[in-house]
């Protein structure tokens, strides 16, 4: 996946921080289905926060590089892997610019 791609969080997922734990929860699942709770580390939580559709993955990587002490190669690998995992659970959608109209289109997962 190219770093020029942009992604937006799926509004059917909510992010909660409880004490030191960060959790991603799909709100369309049954409440009792605890298998659908995703625990995030600090880097993943920040990536989730930055996936608002306004910045491409390269800009997100650069923002993370200024906040975390992780090498660029490792950071890129972690970012791409996490975004791929988010795509698999349909927690993000790709945002593609429409050059002709200047508007954005969201590609479904």
PDB file of N, CA and C in Angstrom:
ATOM      1  N   UNK A   1       0.854  -1.170   0.000  1.00  0.00           N
ATOM      2  CA  UNK A   1       0.000   0.000   0.000  1.00  0.00           C
ATOM      3  C   UNK A   1       0.898   1.230   0.000  1.00  0.00           C
ATOM      4  N   UNK A   2       0.654   2.145  -0.916  1.00  0.00           N
ATOM      5  CA  UNK A   2       1.497   3.350  -0.997  1.00  0.00           C
ATOM      6  C   UNK A   2       1.237   4.325   0.151  1.00  0.00           C
ATOM      7  N   UNK A   3       2.278   5.030   0.509  1.00  0.00           N
ATOM      8  CA  UNK A   3       2.164   6.034   1.576  1.00  0.00           C
ATOM      9  C   UNK A   3       1.376   7.262   1.134  1.00  0.00           C
ATOM     10  N   UNK A   4       1.042   7.336  -0.141  1.00  0.00           N
ATOM     11  CA  UNK A   4       0.258   8.476  -0.632  1.00  0.00           C
ATOM     12  C   UNK A   4      -1.243   8.292  -0.393  1.00  0.00           C
ATOM     13  N   UNK A   5      -1.640   7.129   0.064  1.00  0.00           N
ATOM     14  CA  UNK A   5      -3.057   6.876   0.318  1.00  0.00           C
ATOM     15  C   UNK A   5      -3.505   7.541   1.620  1.00  0.00           C
ATOM     16  N   UNK A   6      -4.796   7.890   1.642  1.00  0.00           N
ATOM     17  CA  UNK A   6      -5.407   8.480   2.838  1.00  0.00           C
ATOM     18  C   UNK A   6      -6.543   7.579   3.296  1.00  0.00           C
ATOM     19  N   UNK A   7      -6.729   7.508   4.595  1.00  0.00           N
ATOM     20  CA  UNK A   7      -7.778   6.683   5.171  1.00  0.00           C
ATOM     21  C   UNK A   7      -8.544   7.484   6.214  1.00  0.00           C
ATOM     22  N   UNK A   8      -9.802   7.112   6.358  1.00  0.00           N
ATOM     23  CA  UNK A   8     -10.675   7.749   7.343  1.00  0.00           C
ATOM     24  C   UNK A   8     -11.220   6.662   8.266  1.00  0.00           C
ATOM     25  N   UNK A   9     -11.310   6.997   9.552  1.00  0.00           N
ATOM     26  CA  UNK A   9     -11.880   6.080  10.530  1.00  0.00           C
ATOM     27  C   UNK A   9     -13.338   5.785  10.197  1.00  0.00           C
ATOM     28  N   UNK A  10     -13.745   4.555  10.390  1.00  0.00           N
ATOM     29  CA  UNK A  10     -15.139   4.167  10.228  1.00  0.00           C
ATOM     30  C   UNK A  10     -15.894   4.645  11.477  1.00  0.00           C
ATOM     31  N   UNK A  11     -16.949   5.451  11.315  1.00  0.00           N
ATOM     32  CA  UNK A  11     -17.668   5.959  12.486  1.00  0.00           C
ATOM     33  C   UNK A  11     -18.390   4.871  13.272  1.00  0.00           C
ATOM     34  N   UNK A  12     -18.418   3.649  12.743  1.00  0.00           N
ATOM     35  CA  UNK A  12     -19.024   2.549  13.473  1.00  0.00           C
ATOM     36  C   UNK A  12     -18.049   1.906  14.457  1.00  0.00           C
ATOM     37  N   UNK A  13     -16.872   2.527  14.620  1.00  0.00           N
ATOM     38  CA  UNK A  13     -15.897   2.102  15.613  1.00  0.00           C
ATOM     39  C   UNK A  13     -15.648   3.282  16.553  1.00  0.00           C
ATOM     40  N   UNK A  14     -15.565   2.999  17.828  1.00  0.00           N
ATOM     41  CA  UNK A  14     -15.248   4.053  18.788  1.00  0.00           C
ATOM     42  C   UNK A  14     -13.944   3.706  19.493  1.00  0.00           C
ATOM     43  N   UNK A  15     -13.242   4.738  19.869  1.00  0.00           N
ATOM     44  CA  UNK A  15     -11.957   4.614  20.552  1.00  0.00           C
ATOM     45  C   UNK A  15     -12.141   5.136  21.967  1.00  0.00           C
ATOM     46  N   UNK A  16     -11.711   4.362  22.935  1.00  0.00           N
ATOM     47  CA  UNK A  16     -11.809   4.778  24.327  1.00  0.00           C
ATOM     48  C   UNK A  16     -10.477   4.542  25.021  1.00  0.00           C
ATOM     49  N   UNK A  17     -10.111   5.495  25.855  1.00  0.00           N
ATOM     50  CA  UNK A  17      -8.939   5.304  26.703  1.00  0.00           C
ATOM     51  C   UNK A  17      -9.428   5.212  28.133  1.00  0.00           C
ATOM     52  N   UNK A  18      -9.135   4.087  28.747  1.00  0.00           N
ATOM     53  CA  UNK A  18      -9.524   3.844  30.131  1.00  0.00           C
ATOM     54  C   UNK A  18      -8.235   3.606  30.908  1.00  0.00           C
ATOM     55  N   UNK A  19      -7.917   4.567  31.787  1.00  0.00           N
ATOM     56  CA  UNK A  19      -6.643   4.545  32.515  1.00  0.00           C
ATOM     57  C   UNK A  19      -5.523   4.498  31.478  1.00  0.00           C
ATOM     58  N   UNK A  20      -4.672   3.476  31.525  1.00  0.00           N
ATOM     59  CA  UNK A  20      -3.548   3.373  30.595  1.00  0.00           C
ATOM     60  C   UNK A  20      -3.855   2.496  29.386  1.00  0.00           C
ATOM     61  N   UNK A  21      -5.085   2.033  29.268  1.00  0.00           N
ATOM     62  CA  UNK A  21      -5.429   1.137  28.182  1.00  0.00           C
ATOM     63  C   UNK A  21      -6.261   1.858  27.122  1.00  0.00           C
ATOM     64  N   UNK A  22      -5.930   1.607  25.862  1.00  0.00           N
ATOM     65  CA  UNK A  22      -6.662   2.179  24.737  1.00  0.00           C
ATOM     66  C   UNK A  22      -7.399   1.055  24.029  1.00  0.00           C
ATOM     67  N   UNK A  23      -8.692   1.259  23.791  1.00  0.00           N
ATOM     68  CA  UNK A  23      -9.531   0.207  23.239  1.00  0.00           C
ATOM     69  C   UNK A  23     -10.303   0.724  22.029  1.00  0.00           C
ATOM     70  N   UNK A  24     -10.366  -0.096  21.000  1.00  0.00           N
ATOM     71  CA  UNK A  24     -11.146   0.180  19.803  1.00  0.00           C
ATOM     72  C   UNK A  24     -12.321  -0.794  19.811  1.00  0.00           C
ATOM     73  N   UNK A  25     -13.540  -0.250  19.694  1.00  0.00           N
ATOM     74  CA  UNK A  25     -14.747  -1.070  19.830  1.00  0.00           C
ATOM     75  C   UNK A  25     -15.677  -0.823  18.645  1.00  0.00           C
ATOM     76  N   UNK A  26     -16.062  -1.892  17.935  1.00  0.00           N
ATOM     77  CA  UNK A  26     -17.087  -1.723  16.904  1.00  0.00           C
ATOM     78  C   UNK A  26     -18.446  -1.589  17.586  1.00  0.00           C
ATOM     79  N   UNK A  27     -19.208  -0.570  17.237  1.00  0.00           N
ATOM     80  CA  UNK A  27     -20.467  -0.334  17.933  1.00  0.00           C
ATOM     81  C   UNK A  27     -21.640  -1.072  17.307  1.00  0.00           C
ATOM     82  N   UNK A  28     -21.449  -1.703  16.168  1.00  0.00           N
ATOM     83  CA  UNK A  28     -22.530  -2.455  15.525  1.00  0.00           C
ATOM     84  C   UNK A  28     -22.568  -3.909  15.974  1.00  0.00           C
ATOM     85  N   UNK A  29     -21.549  -4.362  16.728  1.00  0.00           N
ATOM     86  CA  UNK A  29     -21.513  -5.750  17.192  1.00  0.00           C
ATOM     87  C   UNK A  29     -22.392  -5.918  18.430  1.00  0.00           C
ATOM     88  N   UNK A  30     -22.672  -7.158  18.777  1.00  0.00           N
ATOM     89  CA  UNK A  30     -23.418  -7.438  19.993  1.00  0.00           C
ATOM     90  C   UNK A  30     -22.580  -7.030  21.193  1.00  0.00           C
ATOM     91  N   UNK A  31     -23.210  -6.453  22.192  1.00  0.00           N
ATOM     92  CA  UNK A  31     -22.495  -5.950  23.361  1.00  0.00           C
ATOM     93  C   UNK A  31     -21.699  -7.048  24.051  1.00  0.00           C
ATOM     94  N   UNK A  32     -22.228  -8.258  24.087  1.00  0.00           N
ATOM     95  CA  UNK A  32     -21.557  -9.348  24.785  1.00  0.00           C
ATOM     96  C   UNK A  32     -20.414  -9.981  24.029  1.00  0.00           C
ATOM     97  N   UNK A  33     -20.136  -9.545  22.816  1.00  0.00           N
ATOM     98  CA  UNK A  33     -19.098 -10.146  21.998  1.00  0.00           C
ATOM     99  C   UNK A  33     -17.752  -9.490  22.290  1.00  0.00           C
ATOM    100  N   UNK A  34     -17.082  -9.976  23.339  1.00  0.00           N
ATOM    101  CA  UNK A  34     -15.820  -9.375  23.766  1.00  0.00           C
ATOM    102  C   UNK A  34     -14.685  -9.656  22.798  1.00  0.00           C
ATOM    103  N   UNK A  35     -14.881 -10.588  21.871  1.00  0.00           N
ATOM    104  CA  UNK A  35     -13.867 -10.860  20.869  1.00  0.00           C
ATOM    105  C   UNK A  35     -13.677  -9.696  19.912  1.00  0.00           C
ATOM    106  N   UNK A  36     -14.565  -8.729  19.971  1.00  0.00           N
ATOM    107  CA  UNK A  36     -14.507  -7.577  19.066  1.00  0.00           C
ATOM    108  C   UNK A  36     -13.923  -6.337  19.726  1.00  0.00           C
ATOM    109  N   UNK A  37     -13.304  -6.483  20.859  1.00  0.00           N
ATOM    110  CA  UNK A  37     -12.601  -5.369  21.492  1.00  0.00           C
ATOM    111  C   UNK A  37     -11.141  -5.459  21.074  1.00  0.00           C
ATOM    112  N   UNK A  38     -10.579  -4.335  20.650  1.00  0.00           N
ATOM    113  CA  UNK A  38      -9.199  -4.321  20.186  1.00  0.00           C
ATOM    114  C   UNK A  38      -8.387  -3.403  21.086  1.00  0.00           C
ATOM    115  N   UNK A  39      -7.376  -3.963  21.725  1.00  0.00           N
ATOM    116  CA  UNK A  39      -6.507  -3.190  22.601  1.00  0.00           C
ATOM    117  C   UNK A  39      -5.359  -2.608  21.771  1.00  0.00           C
ATOM    118  N   UNK A  40      -5.119  -1.308  21.911  1.00  0.00           N
ATOM    119  CA  UNK A  40      -4.095  -0.627  21.120  1.00  0.00           C
ATOM    120  C   UNK A  40      -2.960  -0.134  22.009  1.00  0.00           C
ATOM    121  N   UNK A  41      -1.743  -0.205  21.483  1.00  0.00           N
ATOM    122  CA  UNK A  41      -0.626   0.410  22.199  1.00  0.00           C
ATOM    123  C   UNK A  41      -0.612   1.908  21.875  1.00  0.00           C
ATOM    124  N   UNK A  42       0.318   2.625  22.452  1.00  0.00           N
ATOM    125  CA  UNK A  42       0.359   4.083  22.290  1.00  0.00           C
ATOM    126  C   UNK A  42       0.528   4.503  20.830  1.00  0.00           C
ATOM    127  N   UNK A  43       1.387   3.813  20.102  1.00  0.00           N
ATOM    128  CA  UNK A  43       1.603   4.159  18.693  1.00  0.00           C
ATOM    129  C   UNK A  43       0.344   3.899  17.878  1.00  0.00           C
ATOM    130  N   UNK A  44      -0.289   2.749  18.071  1.00  0.00           N
ATOM    131  CA  UNK A  44      -1.509   2.425  17.341  1.00  0.00           C
ATOM    132  C   UNK A  44      -2.631   3.396  17.697  1.00  0.00           C
ATOM    133  N   UNK A  45      -2.722   3.780  18.958  1.00  0.00           N
ATOM    134  CA  UNK A  45      -3.736   4.745  19.365  1.00  0.00           C
ATOM    135  C   UNK A  45      -3.542   6.082  18.682  1.00  0.00           C
ATOM    136  N   UNK A  46      -2.309   6.499  18.550  1.00  0.00           N
ATOM    137  CA  UNK A  46      -2.030   7.772  17.879  1.00  0.00           C
ATOM    138  C   UNK A  46      -2.308   7.668  16.380  1.00  0.00           C
ATOM    139  N   UNK A  47      -1.982   6.526  15.774  1.00  0.00           N
ATOM    140  CA  UNK A  47      -2.293   6.327  14.362  1.00  0.00           C
ATOM    141  C   UNK A  47      -3.802   6.440  14.167  1.00  0.00           C
ATOM    142  N   UNK A  48      -4.578   5.766  15.018  1.00  0.00           N
ATOM    143  CA  UNK A  48      -6.035   5.826  14.928  1.00  0.00           C
ATOM    144  C   UNK A  48      -6.505   7.275  14.991  1.00  0.00           C
ATOM    145  N   UNK A  49      -5.943   8.029  15.900  1.00  0.00           N
ATOM    146  CA  UNK A  49      -6.318   9.433  16.058  1.00  0.00           C
ATOM    147  C   UNK A  49      -6.039  10.246  14.790  1.00  0.00           C
ATOM    148  N   UNK A  50      -4.946   9.923  14.111  1.00  0.00           N
ATOM    149  CA  UNK A  50      -4.539  10.681  12.926  1.00  0.00           C
ATOM    150  C   UNK A  50      -5.256  10.252  11.642  1.00  0.00           C
ATOM    151  N   UNK A  51      -5.934   9.125  11.664  1.00  0.00           N
ATOM    152  CA  UNK A  51      -6.619   8.637  10.462  1.00  0.00           C
ATOM    153  C   UNK A  51      -7.975   9.321  10.302  1.00  0.00           C
ATOM    154  N   UNK A  52      -7.928  10.603   9.968  1.00  0.00           N
ATOM    155  CA  UNK A  52      -9.167  11.373   9.807  1.00  0.00           C
ATOM    156  C   UNK A  52      -9.460  11.703   8.343  1.00  0.00           C
ATOM    157  N   UNK A  53      -8.640  11.171   7.435  1.00  0.00           N
ATOM    158  CA  UNK A  53      -8.865  11.378   6.013  1.00  0.00           C
ATOM    159  C   UNK A  53      -8.221  12.627   5.440  1.00  0.00           C
ATOM    160  N   UNK A  54      -7.632  13.464   6.289  1.00  0.00           N
ATOM    161  CA  UNK A  54      -7.055  14.711   5.792  1.00  0.00           C
ATOM    162  C   UNK A  54      -5.591  14.587   5.397  1.00  0.00           C
ATOM    163  N   UNK A  55      -4.895  13.615   5.951  1.00  0.00           N
ATOM    164  CA  UNK A  55      -3.461  13.449   5.680  1.00  0.00           C
ATOM    165  C   UNK A  55      -3.194  12.082   5.081  1.00  0.00           C
ATOM    166  N   UNK A  56      -2.199  12.007   4.190  1.00  0.00           N
ATOM    167  CA  UNK A  56      -1.832  10.707   3.658  1.00  0.00           C
ATOM    168  C   UNK A  56      -0.947   9.974   4.660  1.00  0.00           C
ATOM    169  N   UNK A  57      -0.669   8.707   4.363  1.00  0.00           N
ATOM    170  CA  UNK A  57       0.100   7.894   5.299  1.00  0.00           C
ATOM    171  C   UNK A  57       1.520   8.422   5.500  1.00  0.00           C
ATOM    172  N   UNK A  58       2.094   9.041   4.489  1.00  0.00           N
ATOM    173  CA  UNK A  58       3.436   9.629   4.639  1.00  0.00           C
ATOM    174  C   UNK A  58       3.422  10.747   5.672  1.00  0.00           C
ATOM    175  N   UNK A  59       2.407  11.597   5.639  1.00  0.00           N
ATOM    176  CA  UNK A  59       2.299  12.685   6.616  1.00  0.00           C
ATOM    177  C   UNK A  59       2.050  12.130   8.017  1.00  0.00           C
ATOM    178  N   UNK A  60       1.267  11.068   8.103  1.00  0.00           N
ATOM    179  CA  UNK A  60       1.023  10.437   9.406  1.00  0.00           C
ATOM    180  C   UNK A  60       2.323   9.845   9.938  1.00  0.00           C
ATOM    181  N   UNK A  61       3.081   9.176   9.062  1.00  0.00           N
ATOM    182  CA  UNK A  61       4.378   8.631   9.479  1.00  0.00           C
ATOM    183  C   UNK A  61       5.294   9.731   9.989  1.00  0.00           C
ATOM    184  N   UNK A  62       5.328  10.856   9.287  1.00  0.00           N
ATOM    185  CA  UNK A  62       6.189  11.965   9.692  1.00  0.00           C
ATOM    186  C   UNK A  62       5.753  12.539  11.040  1.00  0.00           C
ATOM    187  N   UNK A  63       4.440  12.638  11.260  1.00  0.00           N
ATOM    188  CA  UNK A  63       3.941  13.125  12.544  1.00  0.00           C
ATOM    189  C   UNK A  63       4.336  12.165  13.666  1.00  0.00           C
ATOM    190  N   UNK A  64       4.217  10.874  13.410  1.00  0.00           N
ATOM    191  CA  UNK A  64       4.595   9.880  14.417  1.00  0.00           C
ATOM    192  C   UNK A  64       6.082   9.927  14.711  1.00  0.00           C
ATOM    193  N   UNK A  65       6.892  10.151  13.676  1.00  0.00           N
ATOM    194  CA  UNK A  65       8.346  10.203  13.849  1.00  0.00           C
ATOM    195  C   UNK A  65       8.749  11.330  14.787  1.00  0.00           C
ATOM    196  N   UNK A  66       7.972  12.410  14.787  1.00  0.00           N
ATOM    197  CA  UNK A  66       8.301  13.526  15.676  1.00  0.00           C
ATOM    198  C   UNK A  66       7.824  13.273  17.109  1.00  0.00           C
ATOM    199  N   UNK A  67       6.934  12.285  17.287  1.00  0.00           N
ATOM    200  CA  UNK A  67       6.379  12.006  18.609  1.00  0.00           C
ATOM    201  C   UNK A  67       6.955  10.766  19.287  1.00  0.00           C
ATOM    202  N   UNK A  68       7.443   9.810  18.499  1.00  0.00           N
ATOM    203  CA  UNK A  68       7.927   8.540  19.040  1.00  0.00           C
ATOM    204  C   UNK A  68       9.366   8.311  18.616  1.00  0.00           C
ATOM    205  N   UNK A  69      10.112   7.627  19.453  1.00  0.00           N
ATOM    206  CA  UNK A  69      11.505   7.318  19.171  1.00  0.00           C
ATOM    207  C   UNK A  69      11.586   5.968  18.465  1.00  0.00           C
ATOM    208  N   UNK A  70      11.169   5.978  17.183  1.00  0.00           N
ATOM    209  CA  UNK A  70      11.155   4.773  16.358  1.00  0.00           C
ATOM    210  C   UNK A  70      11.792   5.144  15.021  1.00  0.00           C
ATOM    211  N   UNK A  71      12.641   4.282  14.513  1.00  0.00           N
ATOM    212  CA  UNK A  71      13.270   4.525  13.217  1.00  0.00           C
ATOM    213  C   UNK A  71      12.245   4.580  12.099  1.00  0.00           C
ATOM    214  N   UNK A  72      12.556   5.328  11.042  1.00  0.00           N
ATOM    215  CA  UNK A  72      11.601   5.534   9.946  1.00  0.00           C
ATOM    216  C   UNK A  72      11.182   4.234   9.291  1.00  0.00           C
ATOM    217  N   UNK A  73      12.119   3.331   9.065  1.00  0.00           N
ATOM    218  CA  UNK A  73      11.784   2.054   8.418  1.00  0.00           C
ATOM    219  C   UNK A  73      10.832   1.233   9.291  1.00  0.00           C
ATOM    220  N   UNK A  74      11.142   1.115  10.583  1.00  0.00           N
ATOM    221  CA  UNK A  74      10.265   0.378  11.498  1.00  0.00           C
ATOM    222  C   UNK A  74       8.908   1.060  11.630  1.00  0.00           C
ATOM    223  N   UNK A  75       8.929   2.369  11.707  1.00  0.00           N
ATOM    224  CA  UNK A  75       7.687   3.131  11.835  1.00  0.00           C
ATOM    225  C   UNK A  75       6.795   2.931  10.610  1.00  0.00           C
ATOM    226  N   UNK A  76       7.388   2.970   9.431  1.00  0.00           N
ATOM    227  CA  UNK A  76       6.628   2.748   8.199  1.00  0.00           C
ATOM    228  C   UNK A  76       6.022   1.350   8.193  1.00  0.00           C
ATOM    229  N   UNK A  77       6.800   0.362   8.576  1.00  0.00           N
ATOM    230  CA  UNK A  77       6.307  -1.015   8.619  1.00  0.00           C
ATOM    231  C   UNK A  77       5.147  -1.150   9.605  1.00  0.00           C
ATOM    232  N   UNK A  78       5.295  -0.576  10.800  1.00  0.00           N
ATOM    233  CA  UNK A  78       4.227  -0.639  11.811  1.00  0.00           C
ATOM    234  C   UNK A  78       2.967   0.067  11.306  1.00  0.00           C
ATOM    235  N   UNK A  79       3.136   1.226  10.701  1.00  0.00           N
ATOM    236  CA  UNK A  79       1.999   1.996  10.197  1.00  0.00           C
ATOM    237  C   UNK A  79       1.243   1.208   9.131  1.00  0.00           C
ATOM    238  N   UNK A  80       1.959   0.692   8.142  1.00  0.00           N
ATOM    239  CA  UNK A  80       1.316  -0.034   7.051  1.00  0.00           C
ATOM    240  C   UNK A  80       0.646  -1.321   7.542  1.00  0.00           C
ATOM    241  N   UNK A  81       1.294  -2.016   8.459  1.00  0.00           N
ATOM    242  CA  UNK A  81       0.720  -3.243   9.018  1.00  0.00           C
ATOM    243  C   UNK A  81      -0.552  -2.941   9.791  1.00  0.00           C
ATOM    244  N   UNK A  82      -0.522  -1.893  10.621  1.00  0.00           N
ATOM    245  CA  UNK A  82      -1.698  -1.552  11.409  1.00  0.00           C
ATOM    246  C   UNK A  82      -2.854  -1.097  10.518  1.00  0.00           C
ATOM    247  N   UNK A  83      -2.575  -0.285   9.518  1.00  0.00           N
ATOM    248  CA  UNK A  83      -3.634   0.174   8.617  1.00  0.00           C
ATOM    249  C   UNK A  83      -4.219  -1.020   7.864  1.00  0.00           C
ATOM    250  N   UNK A  84      -3.387  -1.953   7.460  1.00  0.00           N
ATOM    251  CA  UNK A  84      -3.883  -3.159   6.784  1.00  0.00           C
ATOM    252  C   UNK A  84      -4.809  -3.945   7.721  1.00  0.00           C
ATOM    253  N   UNK A  85      -4.438  -4.062   8.986  1.00  0.00           N
ATOM    254  CA  UNK A  85      -5.292  -4.748   9.963  1.00  0.00           C
ATOM    255  C   UNK A  85      -6.610  -4.004  10.148  1.00  0.00           C
ATOM    256  N   UNK A  86      -6.561  -2.682  10.172  1.00  0.00           N
ATOM    257  CA  UNK A  86      -7.781  -1.885  10.291  1.00  0.00           C
ATOM    258  C   UNK A  86      -8.682  -2.082   9.066  1.00  0.00           C
ATOM    259  N   UNK A  87      -8.074  -2.189   7.890  1.00  0.00           N
ATOM    260  CA  UNK A  87      -8.846  -2.439   6.679  1.00  0.00           C
ATOM    261  C   UNK A  87      -9.537  -3.799   6.761  1.00  0.00           C
ATOM    262  N   UNK A  88      -8.843  -4.803   7.277  1.00  0.00           N
ATOM    263  CA  UNK A  88      -9.397  -6.158   7.368  1.00  0.00           C
ATOM    264  C   UNK A  88     -10.642  -6.204   8.248  1.00  0.00           C
ATOM    265  N   UNK A  89     -10.689  -5.400   9.298  1.00  0.00           N
ATOM    266  CA  UNK A  89     -11.861  -5.403  10.190  1.00  0.00           C
ATOM    267  C   UNK A  89     -12.835  -4.281   9.820  1.00  0.00           C
ATOM    268  N   UNK A  90     -12.564  -3.630   8.687  1.00  0.00           N
ATOM    269  CA  UNK A  90     -13.402  -2.551   8.157  1.00  0.00           C
ATOM    270  C   UNK A  90     -13.514  -1.366   9.119  1.00  0.00           C
ATOM    271  N   UNK A  91     -12.422  -1.083   9.815  1.00  0.00           N
ATOM    272  CA  UNK A  91     -12.378   0.046  10.746  1.00  0.00           C
ATOM    273  C   UNK A  91     -11.967   1.339  10.054  1.00  0.00           C
ATOM    274  N   UNK A  92     -11.435   1.243   8.827  1.00  0.00           N
ATOM    275  CA  UNK A  92     -11.066   2.425   8.048  1.00  0.00           C
ATOM    276  C   UNK A  92     -11.528   2.248   6.614  1.00  0.00           C
ATOM    277  N   UNK A  93     -11.718   3.371   5.944  1.00  0.00           N
ATOM    278  CA  UNK A  93     -12.026   3.372   4.513  1.00  0.00           C
ATOM    279  C   UNK A  93     -11.025   4.276   3.809  1.00  0.00           C
ATOM    280  N   UNK A  94     -10.680   3.896   2.603  1.00  0.00           N
ATOM    281  CA  UNK A  94      -9.744   4.691   1.820  1.00  0.00           C
ATOM    282  C   UNK A  94     -10.449   5.933   1.295  1.00  0.00           C
ATOM    283  N   UNK A  95      -9.755   7.052   1.327  1.00  0.00           N
ATOM    284  CA  UNK A  95     -10.265   8.312   0.795  1.00  0.00           C
ATOM    285  C   UNK A  95      -9.438   8.636  -0.440  1.00  0.00           C
ATOM    286  N   UNK A  96     -10.123   8.840  -1.576  1.00  0.00           N
ATOM    287  CA  UNK A  96      -9.404   9.165  -2.810  1.00  0.00           C
ATOM    288  C   UNK A  96      -9.861  10.520  -3.326  1.00  0.00           C
ATOM    289  N   UNK A  97      -8.914  11.378  -3.670  1.00  0.00           N
ATOM    290  CA  UNK A  97      -9.297  12.682  -4.206  1.00  0.00           C
ATOM    291  C   UNK A  97      -9.866  12.542  -5.616  1.00  0.00           C
ATOM    292  N   UNK A  98     -10.850  13.315  -5.913  1.00  0.00           N
ATOM    293  CA  UNK A  98     -11.419  13.346  -7.257  1.00  0.00           C
ATOM    294  C   UNK A  98     -10.871  14.590  -7.946  1.00  0.00           C
ATOM    295  N   UNK A  99      -9.856  14.391  -8.768  1.00  0.00           N
ATOM    296  CA  UNK A  99      -9.154  15.512  -9.394  1.00  0.00           C
ATOM    297  C   UNK A  99     -10.077  16.404 -10.218  1.00  0.00           C
ATOM    298  N   UNK A 100     -11.016  15.804 -10.903  1.00  0.00           N
ATOM    299  CA  UNK A 100     -11.874  16.593 -11.792  1.00  0.00           C
ATOM    300  C   UNK A 100     -12.804  17.527 -11.031  1.00  0.00           C
ATOM    301  N   UNK A 101     -13.308  17.095  -9.905  1.00  0.00           N
ATOM    302  CA  UNK A 101     -14.300  17.892  -9.187  1.00  0.00           C
ATOM    303  C   UNK A 101     -13.736  18.589  -7.966  1.00  0.00           C
ATOM    304  N   UNK A 102     -12.546  18.178  -7.541  1.00  0.00           N
ATOM    305  CA  UNK A 102     -11.989  18.744  -6.317  1.00  0.00           C
ATOM    306  C   UNK A 102     -12.665  18.204  -5.074  1.00  0.00           C
ATOM    307  N   UNK A 103     -13.501  17.172  -5.233  1.00  0.00           N
ATOM    308  CA  UNK A 103     -14.200  16.572  -4.108  1.00  0.00           C
ATOM    309  C   UNK A 103     -13.567  15.235  -3.797  1.00  0.00           C
ATOM    310  N   UNK A 104     -13.880  14.697  -2.625  1.00  0.00           N
ATOM    311  CA  UNK A 104     -13.333  13.423  -2.219  1.00  0.00           C
ATOM    312  C   UNK A 104     -14.388  12.339  -2.368  1.00  0.00           C
ATOM    313  N   UNK A 105     -13.910  11.146  -2.664  1.00  0.00           N
ATOM    314  CA  UNK A 105     -14.782   9.976  -2.677  1.00  0.00           C
ATOM    315  C   UNK A 105     -14.230   8.993  -1.664  1.00  0.00           C
ATOM    316  N   UNK A 106     -15.108   8.342  -0.960  1.00  0.00           N
ATOM    317  CA  UNK A 106     -14.688   7.332  -0.002  1.00  0.00           C
ATOM    318  C   UNK A 106     -14.938   5.978  -0.626  1.00  0.00           C
ATOM    319  N   UNK A 107     -13.880   5.174  -0.704  1.00  0.00           N
ATOM    320  CA  UNK A 107     -14.025   3.817  -1.233  1.00  0.00           C
ATOM    321  C   UNK A 107     -14.407   2.899  -0.105  1.00  0.00           C
ATOM    322  N   UNK A 108     -15.493   2.132  -0.261  1.00  0.00           N
ATOM    323  CA  UNK A 108     -15.880   1.215   0.798  1.00  0.00           C
ATOM    324  C   UNK A 108     -14.833   0.136   0.979  1.00  0.00           C
ATOM    325  N   UNK A 109     -14.764  -0.450   2.165  1.00  0.00           N
ATOM    326  CA  UNK A 109     -13.758  -1.508   2.422  1.00  0.00           C
ATOM    327  C   UNK A 109     -13.969  -2.721   1.551  1.00  0.00           C
TER     328      UNK A 109
END
